[in-house]
Amino acid sequence: MTIVSASRRTDIPAFFGDWFMNRLSAGYCLVANPFNRSQVRRVSLAAEDVDAVVFWTKNPAPFLHHVLELEKQRLRYYFQYTLNDYPKALEPGLSPVEDRIEAFRALSNIIGSRRVVWRYDPIIPTGVTDFEAHRNRFKSLAKVLSGHTRRVVVSLVDRYRKTLRRLARLEKEGLRVHWEMLEGPCVDRLLEDLASIAGECGLEMRACSEPRDFSGLGIPPGACIDADLITDLFGIATTHVKDRGQRPRCGCVESRDIGAVDTCGHGCPYCYATNDPDRALLRLRDHDPSASALDGKPVRS
């Protein structure tokens, strides 16, 4: 038995829902190693082989009709739903925030509030999105999502070389990242305020892969691939082995990711999973929903 991640590398519900449902019917998919494409793994999607599927998305609207079908099957799953309210420059490929709120609420109405985890991340302080703006936007979102989720996950933007390069290009639009703010006491005050707002809206807050422990602010470390949550949701025991392929502070347990890098069409400059947004758009254009692998490259059966 295994946990399937769908996917840290791309947004399957937004762009590849038909492919996922086809592979679910087939009972497996093929996944190439992102660092060595000659290494191809077959991942079973048969119900008897899967503990649970964790979907990651910023826009499940195209997938909602499939969710209705999944509810008729034996598949166990929940969603990690990233919902920010950023300027278009930071999330250029996303629909208006009002539409994404509506999709969040619609998804929750289908599968229940416990199975939709809200991700407010990453927190990026800029001249346009300063900490006061984050307080206001978070409070607005928390109010409209109250009752439609039970948990919110936060993280601070990471300094990957590719994201540093892409974010630096936004300075001419007034979106210079104030990295220094992430290291001073004001970030603690922000997180403490966000945790207080979350509590007022009936949400528990967790931190994702942060090098510092914010438990003293009421924000314990969390896990996206969460064995305890899977047990609570579905009444099954699953692996508690830490995923060694993730960052040291990541609390996720082992899973099999079935996505492919450079396939997401959202184009967010802060994304750690996309190396080349233009290549991602080309691969998205050429996607074959009937292929055994999401990006259509592996051929082993």
C-alpha atoms as a PDB file:
ATOM      1  CA  MET A   1       0.000   0.000   0.000  1.00  0.00           C
ATOM      2  CA  THR A   2       1.202   3.506  -0.744  1.00  0.00           C
ATOM      3  CA  ILE A   3       0.180   7.152  -0.701  1.00  0.00           C
ATOM      4  CA  VAL A   4      -0.028   8.866  -4.080  1.00  0.00           C
ATOM      5  CA  SER A   5       0.880  12.541  -4.419  1.00  0.00           C
ATOM      6  CA  ALA A   6      -0.973  14.231  -7.276  1.00  0.00           C
ATOM      7  CA  SER A   7       1.164  16.288  -7.405  1.00  0.00           C
ATOM      8  CA  ARG A   8       3.916  18.459  -5.944  1.00  0.00           C
ATOM      9  CA  ARG A   9       5.266  18.900  -9.484  1.00  0.00           C
ATOM     10  CA  THR A  10       2.192  20.232 -11.244  1.00  0.00           C
ATOM     11  CA  ASP A  11      -1.507  20.994 -10.846  1.00  0.00           C
ATOM     12  CA  ILE A  12      -3.263  17.788 -11.913  1.00  0.00           C
ATOM     13  CA  PRO A  13      -6.810  18.894 -10.989  1.00  0.00           C
ATOM     14  CA  ALA A  14      -6.447  22.140 -12.970  1.00  0.00           C
ATOM     15  CA  PHE A  15      -4.821  20.744 -16.103  1.00  0.00           C
ATOM     16  CA  PHE A  16      -4.749  16.964 -16.169  1.00  0.00           C
ATOM     17  CA  GLY A  17      -8.037  15.730 -14.734  1.00  0.00           C
ATOM     18  CA  ASP A  18      -8.962  13.652 -17.779  1.00  0.00           C
ATOM     19  CA  TRP A  19      -5.520  12.046 -17.749  1.00  0.00           C
ATOM     20  CA  PHE A  20      -5.839  11.153 -14.069  1.00  0.00           C
ATOM     21  CA  MET A  21      -9.242   9.567 -14.531  1.00  0.00           C
ATOM     22  CA  ASN A  22      -7.967   7.591 -17.529  1.00  0.00           C
ATOM     23  CA  ARG A  23      -5.022   6.301 -15.494  1.00  0.00           C
ATOM     24  CA  LEU A  24      -7.314   5.491 -12.583  1.00  0.00           C
ATOM     25  CA  SER A  25      -9.385   3.342 -14.938  1.00  0.00           C
ATOM     26  CA  ALA A  26      -6.212   1.711 -16.257  1.00  0.00           C
ATOM     27  CA  GLY A  27      -5.054   1.025 -12.705  1.00  0.00           C
ATOM     28  CA  TYR A  28      -1.560   2.480 -13.070  1.00  0.00           C
ATOM     29  CA  CYS A  29       0.548   5.272 -14.513  1.00  0.00           C
ATOM     30  CA  LEU A  30       4.185   5.675 -15.484  1.00  0.00           C
ATOM     31  CA  VAL A  31       6.436   8.288 -13.900  1.00  0.00           C
ATOM     32  CA  ALA A  32       9.912   9.274 -15.038  1.00  0.00           C
ATOM     33  CA  ASN A  33      12.556  10.289 -12.534  1.00  0.00           C
ATOM     34  CA  PRO A  34      12.747  14.098 -12.959  1.00  0.00           C
ATOM     35  CA  PHE A  35      16.540  13.923 -12.619  1.00  0.00           C
ATOM     36  CA  ASN A  36      17.064  10.887 -14.869  1.00  0.00           C
ATOM     37  CA  ARG A  37      14.321  10.356 -17.427  1.00  0.00           C
ATOM     38  CA  SER A  38      15.651   6.924 -18.387  1.00  0.00           C
ATOM     39  CA  GLN A  39      14.471   5.692 -14.991  1.00  0.00           C
ATOM     40  CA  VAL A  40      10.734   5.010 -15.208  1.00  0.00           C
ATOM     41  CA  ARG A  41       8.551   3.764 -12.387  1.00  0.00           C
ATOM     42  CA  ARG A  42       5.163   2.120 -12.666  1.00  0.00           C
ATOM     43  CA  VAL A  43       2.820   3.397  -9.934  1.00  0.00           C
ATOM     44  CA  SER A  44      -0.270   1.366  -9.177  1.00  0.00           C
ATOM     45  CA  LEU A  45      -3.523   3.299  -8.885  1.00  0.00           C
ATOM     46  CA  ALA A  46      -5.585   0.228  -8.118  1.00  0.00           C
ATOM     47  CA  ALA A  47      -7.830   0.742  -5.099  1.00  0.00           C
ATOM     48  CA  GLU A  48      -6.289  -2.190  -3.236  1.00  0.00           C
ATOM     49  CA  ASP A  49      -2.786  -0.698  -3.630  1.00  0.00           C
ATOM     50  CA  VAL A  50      -3.475   2.907  -2.618  1.00  0.00           C
ATOM     51  CA  ASP A  51      -3.880   4.127   0.950  1.00  0.00           C
ATOM     52  CA  ALA A  52      -4.893   7.583  -0.217  1.00  0.00           C
ATOM     53  CA  VAL A  53      -4.348  10.186  -2.922  1.00  0.00           C
ATOM     54  CA  VAL A  54      -3.326  13.707  -1.975  1.00  0.00           C
ATOM     55  CA  PHE A  55      -4.282  16.252  -4.628  1.00  0.00           C
ATOM     56  CA  TRP A  56      -2.457  19.589  -4.816  1.00  0.00           C
ATOM     57  CA  THR A  57      -4.194  22.410  -6.663  1.00  0.00           C
ATOM     58  CA  LYS A  58      -4.731  26.127  -7.101  1.00  0.00           C
ATOM     59  CA  ASN A  59      -7.838  25.659  -9.206  1.00  0.00           C
ATOM     60  CA  PRO A  60      -9.960  22.505  -8.928  1.00  0.00           C
ATOM     61  CA  ALA A  61     -12.843  23.943 -10.969  1.00  0.00           C
ATOM     62  CA  PRO A  62     -12.056  21.863 -14.106  1.00  0.00           C
ATOM     63  CA  PHE A  63     -11.906  18.747 -11.915  1.00  0.00           C
ATOM     64  CA  LEU A  64     -15.141  19.135  -9.976  1.00  0.00           C
ATOM     65  CA  HIS A  65     -17.168  16.887 -12.287  1.00  0.00           C
ATOM     66  CA  HIS A  66     -14.517  14.189 -11.796  1.00  0.00           C
ATOM     67  CA  VAL A  67     -14.766  14.623  -8.021  1.00  0.00           C
ATOM     68  CA  LEU A  68     -18.402  13.658  -8.248  1.00  0.00           C
ATOM     69  CA  GLU A  69     -17.317  10.448  -9.995  1.00  0.00           C
ATOM     70  CA  LEU A  70     -14.553   9.776  -7.459  1.00  0.00           C
ATOM     71  CA  GLU A  71     -17.079   9.925  -4.672  1.00  0.00           C
ATOM     72  CA  LYS A  72     -18.786   6.896  -6.209  1.00  0.00           C
ATOM     73  CA  GLN A  73     -15.550   4.892  -6.143  1.00  0.00           C
ATOM     74  CA  ARG A  74     -13.504   3.461  -3.283  1.00  0.00           C
ATOM     75  CA  LEU A  75     -10.626   5.916  -3.666  1.00  0.00           C
ATOM     76  CA  ARG A  76      -9.593   7.724  -0.487  1.00  0.00           C
ATOM     77  CA  TYR A  77      -8.331  11.264  -1.093  1.00  0.00           C
ATOM     78  CA  TYR A  78      -8.090  14.803   0.157  1.00  0.00           C
ATOM     79  CA  PHE A  79      -6.988  18.141  -1.288  1.00  0.00           C
ATOM     80  CA  GLN A  80      -4.235  20.616  -0.530  1.00  0.00           C
ATOM     81  CA  TYR A  81      -5.723  23.804  -1.997  1.00  0.00           C
ATOM     82  CA  THR A  82      -3.442  26.844  -2.356  1.00  0.00           C
ATOM     83  CA  LEU A  83      -5.528  30.002  -2.263  1.00  0.00           C
ATOM     84  CA  ASN A  84      -3.820  33.373  -2.002  1.00  0.00           C
ATOM     85  CA  ASP A  85      -4.996  36.782  -3.148  1.00  0.00           C
ATOM     86  CA  TYR A  86      -1.918  37.992  -4.964  1.00  0.00           C
ATOM     87  CA  PRO A  87      -1.442  40.517  -7.775  1.00  0.00           C
ATOM     88  CA  LYS A  88      -1.508  39.067 -11.278  1.00  0.00           C
ATOM     89  CA  ALA A  89       2.263  39.384 -11.580  1.00  0.00           C
ATOM     90  CA  LEU A  90       2.745  36.795  -8.836  1.00  0.00           C
ATOM     91  CA  GLU A  91       0.042  34.395 -10.071  1.00  0.00           C
ATOM     92  CA  PRO A  92      -0.373  35.247 -13.778  1.00  0.00           C
ATOM     93  CA  GLY A  93      -2.178  32.095 -14.898  1.00  0.00           C
ATOM     94  CA  LEU A  94      -4.915  32.007 -12.276  1.00  0.00           C
ATOM     95  CA  SER A  95      -8.550  32.994 -12.552  1.00  0.00           C
ATOM     96  CA  PRO A  96      -9.910  35.811 -10.340  1.00  0.00           C
ATOM     97  CA  VAL A  97      -9.782  35.079  -6.625  1.00  0.00           C
ATOM     98  CA  GLU A  98     -13.589  35.191  -6.420  1.00  0.00           C
ATOM     99  CA  ASP A  99     -13.806  32.266  -8.839  1.00  0.00           C
ATOM    100  CA  ARG A 100     -11.254  30.279  -6.862  1.00  0.00           C
ATOM    101  CA  ILE A 101     -13.127  30.926  -3.614  1.00  0.00           C
ATOM    102  CA  GLU A 102     -16.286  29.654  -5.277  1.00  0.00           C
ATOM    103  CA  ALA A 103     -14.434  26.531  -6.455  1.00  0.00           C
ATOM    104  CA  PHE A 104     -13.063  25.979  -2.936  1.00  0.00           C
ATOM    105  CA  ARG A 105     -16.511  26.143  -1.423  1.00  0.00           C
ATOM    106  CA  ALA A 106     -17.976  23.904  -4.144  1.00  0.00           C
ATOM    107  CA  LEU A 107     -15.267  21.299  -3.559  1.00  0.00           C
ATOM    108  CA  SER A 108     -15.841  21.398   0.187  1.00  0.00           C
ATOM    109  CA  ASN A 109     -19.577  20.997  -0.303  1.00  0.00           C
ATOM    110  CA  ILE A 110     -18.918  17.784  -2.245  1.00  0.00           C
ATOM    111  CA  ILE A 111     -16.275  16.080  -0.107  1.00  0.00           C
ATOM    112  CA  GLY A 112     -16.518  17.843   3.255  1.00  0.00           C
ATOM    113  CA  SER A 113     -14.509  20.536   5.008  1.00  0.00           C
ATOM    114  CA  ARG A 114     -12.043  18.118   6.623  1.00  0.00           C
ATOM    115  CA  ARG A 115     -10.822  16.910   3.242  1.00  0.00           C
ATOM    116  CA  VAL A 116      -9.932  20.343   1.869  1.00  0.00           C
ATOM    117  CA  VAL A 117      -6.820  21.835   3.469  1.00  0.00           C
ATOM    118  CA  TRP A 118      -6.303  25.511   2.743  1.00  0.00           C
ATOM    119  CA  ARG A 119      -2.753  26.564   1.918  1.00  0.00           C
ATOM    120  CA  TYR A 120      -1.959  30.249   2.333  1.00  0.00           C
ATOM    121  CA  ASP A 121       1.525  30.072   0.946  1.00  0.00           C
ATOM    122  CA  PRO A 122       4.053  31.194   0.239  1.00  0.00           C
ATOM    123  CA  ILE A 123       3.947  34.440   2.175  1.00  0.00           C
ATOM    124  CA  ILE A 124       5.864  36.958   0.066  1.00  0.00           C
ATOM    125  CA  PRO A 125       6.497  40.464   1.460  1.00  0.00           C
ATOM    126  CA  THR A 126       6.784  43.047  -1.318  1.00  0.00           C
ATOM    127  CA  GLY A 127       6.047  46.728  -1.780  1.00  0.00           C
ATOM    128  CA  VAL A 128       2.547  45.726  -2.861  1.00  0.00           C
ATOM    129  CA  THR A 129       2.022  42.782  -0.516  1.00  0.00           C
ATOM    130  CA  ASP A 130       3.451  44.048   2.747  1.00  0.00           C
ATOM    131  CA  PHE A 131       2.590  42.369   6.021  1.00  0.00           C
ATOM    132  CA  GLU A 132      -0.437  44.573   6.639  1.00  0.00           C
ATOM    133  CA  ALA A 133      -1.773  43.566   3.216  1.00  0.00           C
ATOM    134  CA  HIS A 134      -1.243  39.919   4.171  1.00  0.00           C
ATOM    135  CA  ARG A 135      -3.197  40.421   7.387  1.00  0.00           C
ATOM    136  CA  ASN A 136      -6.087  41.969   5.500  1.00  0.00           C
ATOM    137  CA  ARG A 137      -6.129  39.435   2.666  1.00  0.00           C
ATOM    138  CA  PHE A 138      -5.775  36.489   5.000  1.00  0.00           C
ATOM    139  CA  LYS A 139      -8.623  37.747   7.199  1.00  0.00           C
ATOM    140  CA  SER A 140     -10.861  38.230   4.175  1.00  0.00           C
ATOM    141  CA  LEU A 141     -10.155  34.730   2.862  1.00  0.00           C
ATOM    142  CA  ALA A 142     -10.457  33.087   6.290  1.00  0.00           C
ATOM    143  CA  LYS A 143     -13.904  34.580   6.786  1.00  0.00           C
ATOM    144  CA  VAL A 144     -15.301  33.340   3.471  1.00  0.00           C
ATOM    145  CA  LEU A 145     -13.680  29.905   3.862  1.00  0.00           C
ATOM    146  CA  SER A 146     -14.824  29.413   7.449  1.00  0.00           C
ATOM    147  CA  GLY A 147     -16.934  26.281   7.631  1.00  0.00           C
ATOM    148  CA  HIS A 148     -15.477  24.999   4.362  1.00  0.00           C
ATOM    149  CA  THR A 149     -12.129  23.884   5.768  1.00  0.00           C
ATOM    150  CA  ARG A 150     -10.697  23.000   9.165  1.00  0.00           C
ATOM    151  CA  ARG A 151      -6.990  23.621   8.624  1.00  0.00           C
ATOM    152  CA  VAL A 152      -4.793  26.289   7.051  1.00  0.00           C
ATOM    153  CA  VAL A 153      -1.124  25.786   6.226  1.00  0.00           C
ATOM    154  CA  VAL A 154       1.309  28.687   5.932  1.00  0.00           C
ATOM    155  CA  SER A 155       4.905  29.002   4.786  1.00  0.00           C
ATOM    156  CA  LEU A 156       7.389  31.737   4.003  1.00  0.00           C
ATOM    157  CA  VAL A 157       8.749  32.105   0.491  1.00  0.00           C
ATOM    158  CA  ASP A 158      11.974  30.138  -0.080  1.00  0.00           C
ATOM    159  CA  ARG A 159      15.134  31.398  -1.758  1.00  0.00           C
ATOM    160  CA  TYR A 160      15.594  28.900  -4.558  1.00  0.00           C
ATOM    161  CA  ARG A 161      17.921  30.173  -7.272  1.00  0.00           C
ATOM    162  CA  LYS A 162      15.296  29.882  -9.986  1.00  0.00           C
ATOM    163  CA  THR A 163      12.690  31.709  -7.902  1.00  0.00           C
ATOM    164  CA  LEU A 164      15.160  34.413  -6.910  1.00  0.00           C
ATOM    165  CA  ARG A 165      15.878  35.008 -10.577  1.00  0.00           C
ATOM    166  CA  ARG A 166      12.227  35.154 -11.592  1.00  0.00           C
ATOM    167  CA  LEU A 167      11.139  37.295  -8.652  1.00  0.00           C
ATOM    168  CA  ALA A 168      13.955  39.772  -9.322  1.00  0.00           C
ATOM    169  CA  ARG A 169      12.447  40.452 -12.748  1.00  0.00           C
ATOM    170  CA  LEU A 170       9.301  41.792 -11.061  1.00  0.00           C
ATOM    171  CA  GLU A 171      11.051  44.682  -9.341  1.00  0.00           C
ATOM    172  CA  LYS A 172      10.138  47.068 -12.168  1.00  0.00           C
ATOM    173  CA  GLU A 173       6.482  46.409 -11.271  1.00  0.00           C
ATOM    174  CA  GLY A 174       7.043  47.428  -7.665  1.00  0.00           C
ATOM    175  CA  LEU A 175       7.232  43.836  -6.491  1.00  0.00           C
ATOM    176  CA  ARG A 176      10.667  43.786  -4.921  1.00  0.00           C
ATOM    177  CA  VAL A 177      10.766  41.061  -2.301  1.00  0.00           C
ATOM    178  CA  HIS A 178      11.748  42.393   1.117  1.00  0.00           C
ATOM    179  CA  TRP A 179      13.702  39.352   2.244  1.00  0.00           C
ATOM    180  CA  GLU A 180      14.867  41.114   5.379  1.00  0.00           C
ATOM    181  CA  MET A 181      11.306  41.152   6.694  1.00  0.00           C
ATOM    182  CA  LEU A 182      11.298  37.363   6.841  1.00  0.00           C
ATOM    183  CA  GLU A 183      14.097  37.345   9.409  1.00  0.00           C
ATOM    184  CA  GLY A 184      13.023  40.049  11.846  1.00  0.00           C
ATOM    185  CA  PRO A 185      10.495  40.170  14.690  1.00  0.00           C
ATOM    186  CA  CYS A 186       7.784  41.560  12.403  1.00  0.00           C
ATOM    187  CA  VAL A 187       7.345  38.151  10.773  1.00  0.00           C
ATOM    188  CA  ASP A 188       6.603  36.659  14.197  1.00  0.00           C
ATOM    189  CA  ARG A 189       3.971  39.311  14.807  1.00  0.00           C
ATOM    190  CA  LEU A 190       2.438  38.596  11.398  1.00  0.00           C
ATOM    191  CA  LEU A 191       2.255  34.845  11.969  1.00  0.00           C
ATOM    192  CA  GLU A 192       0.865  35.311  15.471  1.00  0.00           C
ATOM    193  CA  ASP A 193      -1.839  37.571  14.043  1.00  0.00           C
ATOM    194  CA  LEU A 194      -2.666  35.111  11.263  1.00  0.00           C
ATOM    195  CA  ALA A 195      -2.946  32.282  13.789  1.00  0.00           C
ATOM    196  CA  SER A 196      -5.310  34.411  15.898  1.00  0.00           C
ATOM    197  CA  ILE A 197      -7.465  35.220  12.855  1.00  0.00           C
ATOM    198  CA  ALA A 198      -7.523  31.540  11.878  1.00  0.00           C
ATOM    199  CA  GLY A 199      -8.653  30.549  15.370  1.00  0.00           C
ATOM    200  CA  GLU A 200     -11.451  33.100  15.307  1.00  0.00           C
ATOM    201  CA  CYS A 201     -12.649  31.516  12.045  1.00  0.00           C
ATOM    202  CA  GLY A 202     -12.529  27.970  13.425  1.00  0.00           C
ATOM    203  CA  LEU A 203      -9.305  26.959  11.686  1.00  0.00           C
ATOM    204  CA  GLU A 204      -6.196  25.311  13.066  1.00  0.00           C
ATOM    205  CA  MET A 205      -2.959  26.611  11.583  1.00  0.00           C
ATOM    206  CA  ARG A 206       0.138  24.588  10.707  1.00  0.00           C
ATOM    207  CA  ALA A 207       3.528  25.611   9.291  1.00  0.00           C
ATOM    208  CA  CYS A 208       5.029  23.911   6.254  1.00  0.00           C
ATOM    209  CA  SER A 209       8.748  23.014   6.167  1.00  0.00           C
ATOM    210  CA  GLU A 210       9.924  26.047   8.100  1.00  0.00           C
ATOM    211  CA  PRO A 211      13.467  25.982   9.529  1.00  0.00           C
ATOM    212  CA  ARG A 212      12.162  27.712  12.654  1.00  0.00           C
ATOM    213  CA  ASP A 213       9.637  26.192  15.021  1.00  0.00           C
ATOM    214  CA  PHE A 214       6.660  28.538  15.332  1.00  0.00           C
ATOM    215  CA  SER A 215       4.838  26.413  17.908  1.00  0.00           C
ATOM    216  CA  GLY A 216       5.273  29.190  20.458  1.00  0.00           C
ATOM    217  CA  LEU A 217       3.125  31.388  18.205  1.00  0.00           C
ATOM    218  CA  GLY A 218       0.383  28.775  18.084  1.00  0.00           C
ATOM    219  CA  ILE A 219       1.540  27.311  14.769  1.00  0.00           C
ATOM    220  CA  PRO A 220       2.942  23.781  15.121  1.00  0.00           C
ATOM    221  CA  PRO A 221       4.795  22.105  12.252  1.00  0.00           C
ATOM    222  CA  GLY A 222       2.521  20.387   9.769  1.00  0.00           C
ATOM    223  CA  ALA A 223       2.658  17.780   7.039  1.00  0.00           C
ATOM    224  CA  CYS A 224       1.051  17.894   3.616  1.00  0.00           C
ATOM    225  CA  ILE A 225       1.284  14.137   3.113  1.00  0.00           C
ATOM    226  CA  ASP A 226      -0.064  13.570   6.595  1.00  0.00           C
ATOM    227  CA  ALA A 227      -0.335  10.038   7.944  1.00  0.00           C
ATOM    228  CA  ASP A 228      -2.293  11.171  11.002  1.00  0.00           C
ATOM    229  CA  LEU A 229      -4.807  13.064   8.886  1.00  0.00           C
ATOM    230  CA  ILE A 230      -5.270  10.033   6.635  1.00  0.00           C
ATOM    231  CA  THR A 231      -5.963   7.892   9.691  1.00  0.00           C
ATOM    232  CA  ASP A 232      -8.412  10.448  11.060  1.00  0.00           C
ATOM    233  CA  LEU A 233     -10.225  10.832   7.745  1.00  0.00           C
ATOM    234  CA  PHE A 234     -10.381   7.228   6.621  1.00  0.00           C
ATOM    235  CA  GLY A 235      -9.770   5.089   9.703  1.00  0.00           C
ATOM    236  CA  ILE A 236      -6.755   3.302   8.257  1.00  0.00           C
ATOM    237  CA  ALA A 237      -3.173   2.922   9.385  1.00  0.00           C
ATOM    238  CA  THR A 238      -0.551   3.962   6.862  1.00  0.00           C
ATOM    239  CA  THR A 239       3.173   4.606   6.697  1.00  0.00           C
ATOM    240  CA  HIS A 240       4.798   6.938   9.202  1.00  0.00           C
ATOM    241  CA  VAL A 241       8.185   6.812   7.454  1.00  0.00           C
ATOM    242  CA  LYS A 242       9.473  10.319   6.711  1.00  0.00           C
ATOM    243  CA  ASP A 243       9.910  11.146   3.030  1.00  0.00           C
ATOM    244  CA  ARG A 244      13.683  11.405   2.692  1.00  0.00           C
ATOM    245  CA  GLY A 245      13.374  13.134  -0.676  1.00  0.00           C
ATOM    246  CA  GLN A 246      11.919  16.285   0.887  1.00  0.00           C
ATOM    247  CA  ARG A 247      13.484  19.153   2.827  1.00  0.00           C
ATOM    248  CA  PRO A 248      14.879  18.435   6.311  1.00  0.00           C
ATOM    249  CA  ARG A 249      12.028  20.243   8.100  1.00  0.00           C
ATOM    250  CA  CYS A 250       9.321  18.672   5.938  1.00  0.00           C
ATOM    251  CA  GLY A 251       6.948  16.522   7.983  1.00  0.00           C
ATOM    252  CA  CYS A 252       5.536  14.548   5.072  1.00  0.00           C
ATOM    253  CA  VAL A 253       5.581  10.773   5.051  1.00  0.00           C
ATOM    254  CA  GLU A 254       6.622   8.706   2.031  1.00  0.00           C
ATOM    255  CA  SER A 255       4.504   8.956  -1.100  1.00  0.00           C
ATOM    256  CA  ARG A 256       4.726   8.353  -4.844  1.00  0.00           C
ATOM    257  CA  ASP A 257       4.422  11.520  -6.908  1.00  0.00           C
ATOM    258  CA  ILE A 258       2.793  10.950 -10.291  1.00  0.00           C
ATOM    259  CA  GLY A 259       3.319  14.414 -11.778  1.00  0.00           C
ATOM    260  CA  ALA A 260       5.964  15.822 -14.116  1.00  0.00           C
ATOM    261  CA  VAL A 261       8.005  19.002 -13.830  1.00  0.00           C
ATOM    262  CA  ASP A 262       7.577  21.842 -16.323  1.00  0.00           C
ATOM    263  CA  THR A 263       3.933  21.050 -17.062  1.00  0.00           C
ATOM    264  CA  CYS A 264       2.035  23.566 -14.911  1.00  0.00           C
ATOM    265  CA  GLY A 265       0.389  26.446 -16.727  1.00  0.00           C
ATOM    266  CA  HIS A 266      -0.116  28.799 -13.788  1.00  0.00           C
ATOM    267  CA  GLY A 267       3.258  30.504 -14.342  1.00  0.00           C
ATOM    268  CA  CYS A 268       3.811  31.630 -10.741  1.00  0.00           C
ATOM    269  CA  PRO A 269       7.331  33.120 -10.493  1.00  0.00           C
ATOM    270  CA  TYR A 270       7.765  31.849  -6.928  1.00  0.00           C
ATOM    271  CA  CYS A 271       7.179  28.212  -7.952  1.00  0.00           C
ATOM    272  CA  TYR A 272       9.884  25.736  -6.976  1.00  0.00           C
ATOM    273  CA  ALA A 273       8.587  22.931  -9.252  1.00  0.00           C
ATOM    274  CA  THR A 274       8.730  24.706 -12.605  1.00  0.00           C
ATOM    275  CA  ASN A 275      12.127  25.372 -14.133  1.00  0.00           C
ATOM    276  CA  ASP A 276      10.962  26.953 -17.396  1.00  0.00           C
ATOM    277  CA  PRO A 277       7.423  28.428 -17.615  1.00  0.00           C
ATOM    278  CA  ASP A 278       7.584  28.631 -21.426  1.00  0.00           C
ATOM    279  CA  ARG A 279       8.511  24.959 -21.675  1.00  0.00           C
ATOM    280  CA  ALA A 280       5.670  24.169 -19.290  1.00  0.00           C
ATOM    281  CA  LEU A 281       3.165  25.851 -21.607  1.00  0.00           C
ATOM    282  CA  LEU A 282       4.503  23.878 -24.595  1.00  0.00           C
ATOM    283  CA  ARG A 283       4.242  20.587 -22.713  1.00  0.00           C
ATOM    284  CA  LEU A 284       0.772  21.492 -21.555  1.00  0.00           C
ATOM    285  CA  ARG A 285      -0.235  22.227 -25.151  1.00  0.00           C
ATOM    286  CA  ASP A 286       1.120  18.862 -26.321  1.00  0.00           C
ATOM    287  CA  HIS A 287      -0.368  16.855 -23.447  1.00  0.00           C
ATOM    288  CA  ASP A 288      -2.079  13.583 -24.401  1.00  0.00           C
ATOM    289  CA  PRO A 289      -4.771  12.549 -21.870  1.00  0.00           C
ATOM    290  CA  SER A 290      -4.519   8.946 -23.107  1.00  0.00           C
ATOM    291  CA  ALA A 291      -0.765   8.642 -22.444  1.00  0.00           C
ATOM    292  CA  SER A 292       0.489   6.378 -19.686  1.00  0.00           C
ATOM    293  CA  ALA A 293       2.614   9.203 -18.244  1.00  0.00           C
ATOM    294  CA  LEU A 294       1.449  12.737 -17.613  1.00  0.00           C
ATOM    295  CA  ASP A 295       4.045  14.257 -19.948  1.00  0.00           C
ATOM    296  CA  GLY A 296       3.756  11.410 -22.452  1.00  0.00           C
ATOM    297  CA  LYS A 297       7.475  10.598 -22.503  1.00  0.00           C
ATOM    298  CA  PRO A 298       8.037   7.246 -20.737  1.00  0.00           C
ATOM    299  CA  VAL A 299       7.256   4.233 -22.895  1.00  0.00           C
ATOM    300  CA  ARG A 300       7.802   1.284 -20.542  1.00  0.00           C
ATOM    301  CA  SER A 301       4.578  -0.655 -19.921  1.00  0.00           C
END
